[in-house]
C-alpha atoms as a PDB file:
ATOM      1  CA  UNK A   1       4.216  -8.748  22.713  1.00  0.00           C
ATOM      2  CA  UNK A   2       1.744  -9.760  25.008  1.00  0.00           C
ATOM      3  CA  UNK A   3      -0.596 -10.644  22.938  1.00  0.00           C
ATOM      4  CA  UNK A   4      -1.067 -11.023  18.777  1.00  0.00           C
ATOM      5  CA  UNK A   5      -4.160 -10.216  16.467  1.00  0.00           C
ATOM      6  CA  UNK A   6      -6.197 -12.432  15.414  1.00  0.00           C
ATOM      7  CA  UNK A   7      -3.847 -13.659  12.339  1.00  0.00           C
ATOM      8  CA  UNK A   8      -4.907 -16.562  10.258  1.00  0.00           C
ATOM      9  CA  UNK A   9      -2.504 -19.845  10.790  1.00  0.00           C
ATOM     10  CA  UNK A  10      -1.145 -20.645   7.171  1.00  0.00           C
ATOM     11  CA  UNK A  11      -2.367 -23.215   4.824  1.00  0.00           C
ATOM     12  CA  UNK A  12       0.977 -25.094   4.397  1.00  0.00           C
ATOM     13  CA  UNK A  13       4.074 -24.733   6.407  1.00  0.00           C
ATOM     14  CA  UNK A  14       6.660 -23.229   4.582  1.00  0.00           C
ATOM     15  CA  UNK A  15       8.381 -19.992   4.429  1.00  0.00           C
ATOM     16  CA  UNK A  16       6.625 -18.332   1.598  1.00  0.00           C
ATOM     17  CA  UNK A  17       3.370 -19.188   2.928  1.00  0.00           C
ATOM     18  CA  UNK A  18       4.238 -17.656   6.080  1.00  0.00           C
ATOM     19  CA  UNK A  19       5.814 -14.376   4.027  1.00  0.00           C
ATOM     20  CA  UNK A  20       2.485 -14.414   2.530  1.00  0.00           C
ATOM     21  CA  UNK A  21       0.596 -14.114   5.835  1.00  0.00           C
ATOM     22  CA  UNK A  22       2.498 -11.887   7.648  1.00  0.00           C
ATOM     23  CA  UNK A  23       2.693  -9.364   4.985  1.00  0.00           C
ATOM     24  CA  UNK A  24      -0.955  -9.420   4.841  1.00  0.00           C
ATOM     25  CA  UNK A  25      -1.335  -8.719   8.781  1.00  0.00           C
ATOM     26  CA  UNK A  26       1.321  -5.581   8.220  1.00  0.00           C
ATOM     27  CA  UNK A  27      -0.558  -4.062   5.167  1.00  0.00           C
ATOM     28  CA  UNK A  28      -3.731  -4.378   6.747  1.00  0.00           C
ATOM     29  CA  UNK A  29      -2.425  -2.819   9.919  1.00  0.00           C
ATOM     30  CA  UNK A  30      -3.181  -6.039  12.404  1.00  0.00           C
ATOM     31  CA  UNK A  31       0.454  -5.989  12.785  1.00  0.00           C
ATOM     32  CA  UNK A  32       1.160  -2.485  13.838  1.00  0.00           C
ATOM     33  CA  UNK A  33       3.839  -0.319  13.089  1.00  0.00           C
ATOM     34  CA  UNK A  34       6.316  -0.717  16.167  1.00  0.00           C
ATOM     35  CA  UNK A  35       5.056  -4.351  17.584  1.00  0.00           C
ATOM     36  CA  UNK A  36       7.928  -6.168  18.554  1.00  0.00           C
ATOM     37  CA  UNK A  37       7.555  -9.987  17.296  1.00  0.00           C
ATOM     38  CA  UNK A  38       7.967 -12.943  19.512  1.00  0.00           C
ATOM     39  CA  UNK A  39       9.257 -15.542  17.501  1.00  0.00           C
ATOM     40  CA  UNK A  40       7.972 -18.351  19.872  1.00  0.00           C
ATOM     41  CA  UNK A  41       4.077 -16.447  19.817  1.00  0.00           C
ATOM     42  CA  UNK A  42       4.362 -15.876  15.900  1.00  0.00           C
ATOM     43  CA  UNK A  43       5.386 -19.662  15.504  1.00  0.00           C
ATOM     44  CA  UNK A  44       2.657 -20.818  17.867  1.00  0.00           C
ATOM     45  CA  UNK A  45       0.015 -18.606  15.987  1.00  0.00           C
ATOM     46  CA  UNK A  46       1.052 -19.157  12.412  1.00  0.00           C
ATOM     47  CA  UNK A  47       1.181 -23.009  13.133  1.00  0.00           C
ATOM     48  CA  UNK A  48       5.049 -22.896  11.576  1.00  0.00           C
ATOM     49  CA  UNK A  49       8.479 -24.540  12.978  1.00  0.00           C
ATOM     50  CA  UNK A  50      10.541 -21.875  14.345  1.00  0.00           C
ATOM     51  CA  UNK A  51      13.389 -22.384  11.739  1.00  0.00           C
ATOM     52  CA  UNK A  52      10.922 -21.760   8.947  1.00  0.00           C
ATOM     53  CA  UNK A  53       9.770 -18.484  10.958  1.00  0.00           C
ATOM     54  CA  UNK A  54      13.007 -17.137  11.156  1.00  0.00           C
ATOM     55  CA  UNK A  55      13.467 -17.479   7.364  1.00  0.00           C
ATOM     56  CA  UNK A  56      10.260 -15.976   6.457  1.00  0.00           C
ATOM     57  CA  UNK A  57      11.258 -12.604   8.956  1.00  0.00           C
ATOM     58  CA  UNK A  58      14.445 -12.346   7.057  1.00  0.00           C
ATOM     59  CA  UNK A  59      12.588 -12.003   3.866  1.00  0.00           C
ATOM     60  CA  UNK A  60      10.593  -9.390   5.065  1.00  0.00           C
ATOM     61  CA  UNK A  61      13.382  -7.729   7.249  1.00  0.00           C
ATOM     62  CA  UNK A  62      15.212  -7.495   3.867  1.00  0.00           C
ATOM     63  CA  UNK A  63      11.766  -6.281   2.279  1.00  0.00           C
ATOM     64  CA  UNK A  64      11.801  -3.097   4.631  1.00  0.00           C
ATOM     65  CA  UNK A  65       8.789  -4.210   6.262  1.00  0.00           C
ATOM     66  CA  UNK A  66      10.149  -5.082   9.365  1.00  0.00           C
ATOM     67  CA  UNK A  67      13.199  -3.469  11.349  1.00  0.00           C
ATOM     68  CA  UNK A  68      15.502  -3.724  14.491  1.00  0.00           C
ATOM     69  CA  UNK A  69      14.610  -1.530  17.558  1.00  0.00           C
ATOM     70  CA  UNK A  70      17.540   0.126  19.571  1.00  0.00           C
ATOM     71  CA  UNK A  71      17.915  -2.742  21.388  1.00  0.00           C
ATOM     72  CA  UNK A  72      18.408  -5.415  18.202  1.00  0.00           C
ATOM     73  CA  UNK A  73      14.748  -6.634  18.960  1.00  0.00           C
ATOM     74  CA  UNK A  74      12.550  -7.674  15.506  1.00  0.00           C
ATOM     75  CA  UNK A  75       9.741  -5.244  14.838  1.00  0.00           C
ATOM     76  CA  UNK A  76       7.295  -4.100  12.497  1.00  0.00           C
ATOM     77  CA  UNK A  77       8.741  -1.016  10.448  1.00  0.00           C
ATOM     78  CA  UNK A  78       7.729   2.262  11.563  1.00  0.00           C
ATOM     79  CA  UNK A  79       8.058   4.671   8.343  1.00  0.00           C
ATOM     80  CA  UNK A  80       8.774   8.460   9.025  1.00  0.00           C
ATOM     81  CA  UNK A  81       7.334  10.942   6.976  1.00  0.00           C
ATOM     82  CA  UNK A  82      10.832  11.664   4.995  1.00  0.00           C
ATOM     83  CA  UNK A  83      10.306   7.802   3.964  1.00  0.00           C
ATOM     84  CA  UNK A  84       6.504   7.950   3.339  1.00  0.00           C
ATOM     85  CA  UNK A  85       6.957  11.404   0.427  1.00  0.00           C
ATOM     86  CA  UNK A  86       9.823   9.646  -0.803  1.00  0.00           C
ATOM     87  CA  UNK A  87       7.724   6.466  -1.735  1.00  0.00           C
ATOM     88  CA  UNK A  88       4.562   8.812  -2.486  1.00  0.00           C
ATOM     89  CA  UNK A  89       7.054  10.395  -5.187  1.00  0.00           C
ATOM     90  CA  UNK A  90       8.198   7.193  -6.831  1.00  0.00           C
ATOM     91  CA  UNK A  91       4.867   5.750  -6.720  1.00  0.00           C
ATOM     92  CA  UNK A  92       2.921   8.762  -8.545  1.00  0.00           C
ATOM     93  CA  UNK A  93       5.884   8.534 -11.379  1.00  0.00           C
ATOM     94  CA  UNK A  94       5.389   4.605 -12.218  1.00  0.00           C
ATOM     95  CA  UNK A  95       2.185   4.216 -11.420  1.00  0.00           C
ATOM     96  CA  UNK A  96       1.328   7.201 -13.890  1.00  0.00           C
ATOM     97  CA  UNK A  97       3.320   5.555 -16.127  1.00  0.00           C
ATOM     98  CA  UNK A  98       1.563   2.199 -15.698  1.00  0.00           C
ATOM     99  CA  UNK A  99      -1.614   3.871 -16.455  1.00  0.00           C
ATOM    100  CA  UNK A 100      -1.251   5.503 -19.427  1.00  0.00           C
ATOM    101  CA  UNK A 101       0.652   2.277 -20.997  1.00  0.00           C
ATOM    102  CA  UNK A 102      -2.425   0.533 -20.266  1.00  0.00           C
ATOM    103  CA  UNK A 103      -4.272   3.267 -21.875  1.00  0.00           C
ATOM    104  CA  UNK A 104      -2.170   2.545 -24.920  1.00  0.00           C
ATOM    105  CA  UNK A 105      -1.497  -1.180 -25.018  1.00  0.00           C
ATOM    106  CA  UNK A 106      -4.130  -2.724 -22.943  1.00  0.00           C
ATOM    107  CA  UNK A 107      -6.916  -5.364 -24.823  1.00  0.00           C
ATOM    108  CA  UNK A 108     -11.255  -4.089 -24.936  1.00  0.00           C
ATOM    109  CA  UNK A 109     -11.338  -7.280 -22.780  1.00  0.00           C
ATOM    110  CA  UNK A 110      -8.961  -6.125 -20.379  1.00  0.00           C
ATOM    111  CA  UNK A 111     -10.183  -2.697 -20.094  1.00  0.00           C
ATOM    112  CA  UNK A 112     -14.048  -4.197 -19.258  1.00  0.00           C
ATOM    113  CA  UNK A 113     -12.213  -6.207 -16.901  1.00  0.00           C
ATOM    114  CA  UNK A 114     -10.916  -3.143 -15.144  1.00  0.00           C
ATOM    115  CA  UNK A 115     -14.196  -1.784 -14.817  1.00  0.00           C
ATOM    116  CA  UNK A 116     -15.435  -4.533 -13.448  1.00  0.00           C
ATOM    117  CA  UNK A 117     -13.119  -4.083 -11.027  1.00  0.00           C
ATOM    118  CA  UNK A 118     -13.960  -0.519 -10.242  1.00  0.00           C
ATOM    119  CA  UNK A 119     -17.693  -1.464  -9.840  1.00  0.00           C
ATOM    120  CA  UNK A 120     -16.266  -4.138  -7.149  1.00  0.00           C
ATOM    121  CA  UNK A 121     -14.713  -1.296  -5.417  1.00  0.00           C
ATOM    122  CA  UNK A 122     -17.796   0.681  -5.491  1.00  0.00           C
ATOM    123  CA  UNK A 123     -19.856  -1.940  -3.712  1.00  0.00           C
ATOM    124  CA  UNK A 124     -17.030  -2.424  -1.189  1.00  0.00           C
ATOM    125  CA  UNK A 125     -17.195   1.240  -0.671  1.00  0.00           C
ATOM    126  CA  UNK A 126     -21.166   1.178  -0.620  1.00  0.00           C
ATOM    127  CA  UNK A 127     -20.910  -1.350   2.421  1.00  0.00           C
ATOM    128  CA  UNK A 128     -18.098   0.383   4.059  1.00  0.00           C
ATOM    129  CA  UNK A 129     -15.902  -2.664   3.596  1.00  0.00           C
ATOM    130  CA  UNK A 130     -11.865  -1.317   4.687  1.00  0.00           C
ATOM    131  CA  UNK A 131     -10.117  -4.855   4.326  1.00  0.00           C
ATOM    132  CA  UNK A 132     -12.070  -5.622   0.363  1.00  0.00           C
ATOM    133  CA  UNK A 133     -11.512  -2.291  -0.810  1.00  0.00           C
ATOM    134  CA  UNK A 134      -7.845  -2.912   0.149  1.00  0.00           C
ATOM    135  CA  UNK A 135      -8.055  -6.348  -1.652  1.00  0.00           C
ATOM    136  CA  UNK A 136      -9.226  -5.372  -4.462  1.00  0.00           C
ATOM    137  CA  UNK A 137      -7.509  -2.073  -5.129  1.00  0.00           C
ATOM    138  CA  UNK A 138      -4.704  -4.581  -5.479  1.00  0.00           C
ATOM    139  CA  UNK A 139      -6.552  -6.477  -7.599  1.00  0.00           C
ATOM    140  CA  UNK A 140      -7.166  -3.104  -9.876  1.00  0.00           C
ATOM    141  CA  UNK A 141      -3.211  -2.341 -10.003  1.00  0.00           C
ATOM    142  CA  UNK A 142      -2.268  -6.141 -10.855  1.00  0.00           C
ATOM    143  CA  UNK A 143      -4.719  -5.965 -14.054  1.00  0.00           C
ATOM    144  CA  UNK A 144      -3.017  -2.161 -14.806  1.00  0.00           C
ATOM    145  CA  UNK A 145       0.239  -3.776 -14.669  1.00  0.00           C
ATOM    146  CA  UNK A 146      -0.489  -6.832 -16.784  1.00  0.00           C
ATOM    147  CA  UNK A 147      -1.969  -4.962 -19.546  1.00  0.00           C
ATOM    148  CA  UNK A 148       0.787  -2.443 -19.274  1.00  0.00           C
ATOM    149  CA  UNK A 149       3.106  -4.626 -20.728  1.00  0.00           C
ATOM    150  CA  UNK A 150       6.295  -3.764 -19.461  1.00  0.00           C
ATOM    151  CA  UNK A 151       7.821  -6.357 -17.107  1.00  0.00           C
ATOM    152  CA  UNK A 152      10.523  -4.038 -15.702  1.00  0.00           C
ATOM    153  CA  UNK A 153       8.068  -1.596 -14.572  1.00  0.00           C
ATOM    154  CA  UNK A 154       5.909  -4.278 -13.363  1.00  0.00           C
ATOM    155  CA  UNK A 155       8.870  -5.680 -11.313  1.00  0.00           C
ATOM    156  CA  UNK A 156       9.511  -2.285  -9.766  1.00  0.00           C
ATOM    157  CA  UNK A 157       6.201  -1.581  -8.689  1.00  0.00           C
ATOM    158  CA  UNK A 158       5.882  -5.529  -6.981  1.00  0.00           C
ATOM    159  CA  UNK A 159       9.074  -4.874  -5.216  1.00  0.00           C
ATOM    160  CA  UNK A 160       7.813  -2.182  -3.570  1.00  0.00           C
ATOM    161  CA  UNK A 161       4.017  -3.293  -3.317  1.00  0.00           C
ATOM    162  CA  UNK A 162       3.661  -3.983   0.441  1.00  0.00           C
ATOM    163  CA  UNK A 163       5.057  -0.850   1.710  1.00  0.00           C
ATOM    164  CA  UNK A 164       2.846   1.034  -0.581  1.00  0.00           C
ATOM    165  CA  UNK A 165      -0.113  -1.408   0.765  1.00  0.00           C
ATOM    166  CA  UNK A 166       0.613  -0.133   4.321  1.00  0.00           C
ATOM    167  CA  UNK A 167       1.002   3.569   3.224  1.00  0.00           C
ATOM    168  CA  UNK A 168      -2.753   3.402   1.305  1.00  0.00           C
ATOM    169  CA  UNK A 169      -3.953   1.450   4.264  1.00  0.00           C
ATOM    170  CA  UNK A 170      -3.046   4.496   6.501  1.00  0.00           C
ATOM    171  CA  UNK A 171      -4.415   7.499   3.664  1.00  0.00           C
ATOM    172  CA  UNK A 172      -7.739   5.560   3.370  1.00  0.00           C
ATOM    173  CA  UNK A 173      -8.444   6.280   7.519  1.00  0.00           C
ATOM    174  CA  UNK A 174      -8.752  10.236   6.641  1.00  0.00           C
ATOM    175  CA  UNK A 175     -12.545  10.663   7.215  1.00  0.00           C
ATOM    176  CA  UNK A 176     -14.381  10.763   3.363  1.00  0.00           C
ATOM    177  CA  UNK A 177     -11.090   9.482   1.606  1.00  0.00           C
ATOM    178  CA  UNK A 178     -12.768   5.975   0.649  1.00  0.00           C
ATOM    179  CA  UNK A 179     -15.642   7.801  -1.650  1.00  0.00           C
ATOM    180  CA  UNK A 180     -12.949  10.694  -3.030  1.00  0.00           C
ATOM    181  CA  UNK A 181     -10.059   7.216  -3.470  1.00  0.00           C
ATOM    182  CA  UNK A 182     -13.057   5.830  -5.587  1.00  0.00           C
ATOM    183  CA  UNK A 183     -13.841   8.569  -7.614  1.00  0.00           C
ATOM    184  CA  UNK A 184     -10.853   9.724  -8.703  1.00  0.00           C
ATOM    185  CA  UNK A 185     -10.128   5.791  -9.464  1.00  0.00           C
ATOM    186  CA  UNK A 186     -13.105   5.927 -11.341  1.00  0.00           C
ATOM    187  CA  UNK A 187     -12.063   9.321 -13.577  1.00  0.00           C
ATOM    188  CA  UNK A 188      -8.614   7.155 -14.172  1.00  0.00           C
ATOM    189  CA  UNK A 189     -10.828   4.661 -15.841  1.00  0.00           C
ATOM    190  CA  UNK A 190     -12.514   6.715 -17.704  1.00  0.00           C
ATOM    191  CA  UNK A 191      -9.731   8.041 -19.077  1.00  0.00           C
ATOM    192  CA  UNK A 192      -8.289   4.690 -20.008  1.00  0.00           C
ATOM    193  CA  UNK A 193     -11.713   3.505 -21.807  1.00  0.00           C
ATOM    194  CA  UNK A 194     -10.827   7.143 -23.894  1.00  0.00           C
ATOM    195  CA  UNK A 195      -7.419   5.508 -24.546  1.00  0.00           C
ATOM    196  CA  UNK A 196      -6.298   8.949 -23.408  1.00  0.00           C
ATOM    197  CA  UNK A 197      -2.812   7.649 -22.219  1.00  0.00           C
ATOM    198  CA  UNK A 198      -1.997  11.545 -21.104  1.00  0.00           C
ATOM    199  CA  UNK A 199      -5.409  11.844 -19.312  1.00  0.00           C
ATOM    200  CA  UNK A 200      -5.256   8.605 -17.403  1.00  0.00           C
ATOM    201  CA  UNK A 201      -1.289   9.516 -16.176  1.00  0.00           C
ATOM    202  CA  UNK A 202      -2.245  12.882 -15.163  1.00  0.00           C
ATOM    203  CA  UNK A 203      -5.426  11.662 -13.492  1.00  0.00           C
ATOM    204  CA  UNK A 204      -3.235   8.858 -11.865  1.00  0.00           C
ATOM    205  CA  UNK A 205      -0.816  10.910 -10.897  1.00  0.00           C
ATOM    206  CA  UNK A 206      -3.439  13.146  -8.788  1.00  0.00           C
ATOM    207  CA  UNK A 207      -4.774  10.109  -7.402  1.00  0.00           C
ATOM    208  CA  UNK A 208      -1.465   9.322  -5.830  1.00  0.00           C
ATOM    209  CA  UNK A 209      -0.727  13.194  -4.953  1.00  0.00           C
ATOM    210  CA  UNK A 210      -4.373  13.384  -3.035  1.00  0.00           C
ATOM    211  CA  UNK A 211      -3.744  10.100  -1.270  1.00  0.00           C
ATOM    212  CA  UNK A 212       0.028  11.234   0.042  1.00  0.00           C
ATOM    213  CA  UNK A 213      -2.097  14.590   1.466  1.00  0.00           C
ATOM    214  CA  UNK A 214      -4.690  12.524   3.169  1.00  0.00           C
ATOM    215  CA  UNK A 215      -1.965  10.187   4.556  1.00  0.00           C
ATOM    216  CA  UNK A 216      -0.103  13.387   5.926  1.00  0.00           C
ATOM    217  CA  UNK A 217      -3.552  14.908   7.526  1.00  0.00           C
ATOM    218  CA  UNK A 218      -3.524  11.273   9.247  1.00  0.00           C
ATOM    219  CA  UNK A 219      -0.574  11.727  10.655  1.00  0.00           C
ATOM    220  CA  UNK A 220      -0.961  15.158  11.581  1.00  0.00           C
ATOM    221  CA  UNK A 221      -3.713  14.081  13.723  1.00  0.00           C
ATOM    222  CA  UNK A 222      -0.824  12.796  16.303  1.00  0.00           C
ATOM    223  CA  UNK A 223       0.576  16.143  16.513  1.00  0.00           C
ATOM    224  CA  UNK A 224       2.645  16.798  13.281  1.00  0.00           C
ATOM    225  CA  UNK A 225       2.523  20.092  12.176  1.00  0.00           C
ATOM    226  CA  UNK A 226       0.553  20.820   9.147  1.00  0.00           C
ATOM    227  CA  UNK A 227       2.462  24.180   8.355  1.00  0.00           C
ATOM    228  CA  UNK A 228       4.744  22.805   5.383  1.00  0.00           C
ATOM    229  CA  UNK A 229       2.255  22.267   2.621  1.00  0.00           C
ATOM    230  CA  UNK A 230       3.390  24.138  -0.324  1.00  0.00           C
ATOM    231  CA  UNK A 231       0.680  26.147  -2.360  1.00  0.00           C
ATOM    232  CA  UNK A 232       0.086  23.541  -4.961  1.00  0.00           C
ATOM    233  CA  UNK A 233      -1.177  21.071  -2.006  1.00  0.00           C
ATOM    234  CA  UNK A 234       1.742  18.943  -1.950  1.00  0.00           C
ATOM    235  CA  UNK A 235       3.862  17.691   0.749  1.00  0.00           C
ATOM    236  CA  UNK A 236       7.382  18.383   1.414  1.00  0.00           C
ATOM    237  CA  UNK A 237       9.918  17.002   3.631  1.00  0.00           C
ATOM    238  CA  UNK A 238      11.168  19.496   6.339  1.00  0.00           C
ATOM    239  CA  UNK A 239      13.368  19.293   8.961  1.00  0.00           C
ATOM    240  CA  UNK A 240      10.289  19.895  11.192  1.00  0.00           C
ATOM    241  CA  UNK A 241       8.452  16.780   9.771  1.00  0.00           C
ATOM    242  CA  UNK A 242      11.606  14.448   9.750  1.00  0.00           C
ATOM    243  CA  UNK A 243      11.525  11.761  12.008  1.00  0.00           C
ATOM    244  CA  UNK A 244       7.894  11.478  12.992  1.00  0.00           C
ATOM    245  CA  UNK A 245       6.855   7.863  12.370  1.00  0.00           C
ATOM    246  CA  UNK A 246       3.577   6.575  10.737  1.00  0.00           C
ATOM    247  CA  UNK A 247       2.024   4.179  13.305  1.00  0.00           C
END
C-alpha cells in the first residue's frame, strides 16, 4: 500500500476508536476492497501504536471486513457475489421484520423522529451528499431497531451492519439509485405512519430487493453477465456469477 486515503486520526489512541474509524473508512470505500494494509502506515496515519492497531485489525478480521490474501497479507475484504446475495437475503428478512415490529410497537414520538430523519435524507439527496445519506441511513435503521423493541433482532442486525453498509455504498452508485432509494424509504415510513405492519414489511423487503438489483447492476458494469435475473427481478447465485469480486 503506497499511499493512504484521507482517513481521520482517531480521537483517542484506543482499540475501539481505531476500529470505529477503520469501519467507517471501509464502509465509505475510503479503503477499497482488495487494498493491502500496512501496519506502519496505518499506525502513523491514525496516530496510534502498532500493538493497539493490531488488536483493532484482529477485530475487523473477525467481523469479516478484513481478510488474508494468498500470501497471508491483510487486505480489505472482497465480497464475492454469492456472499453478497446471501447477505441481501438475510437483510431482507430481518429488516422487513424490524419495520413490521416498529409499525406495531413504536411510540408516536418515535415515528415522528423517524419521519424527521426521512426529511434529512431528502435534504442529503437534494444536496447530492452521498456520505451524509449513508450516515443518515444508519441513523434511520438505528431508530427502527430501537422502536422494534426486540433485542435479539437488534443484536443480529448490528452484527452484520458493517457488511450491509459496504453493500449499501455499492448499490447507491447505480445511476439514479439515490433518488429511488429515498422514494422507497418514504413508502416504508408511510406504511409505518399508518401502523400497517404487513405493508411496512412488504415495502421494506422490496426496498432491499431493489437495492440488491442495483448493487448487481453496478457489478455487471465490471463485466459480469446479467443473464441470471429470474422473471421476478431477483438475482440468483449461479456458477457464472459466483466468484466475482465486489470492488
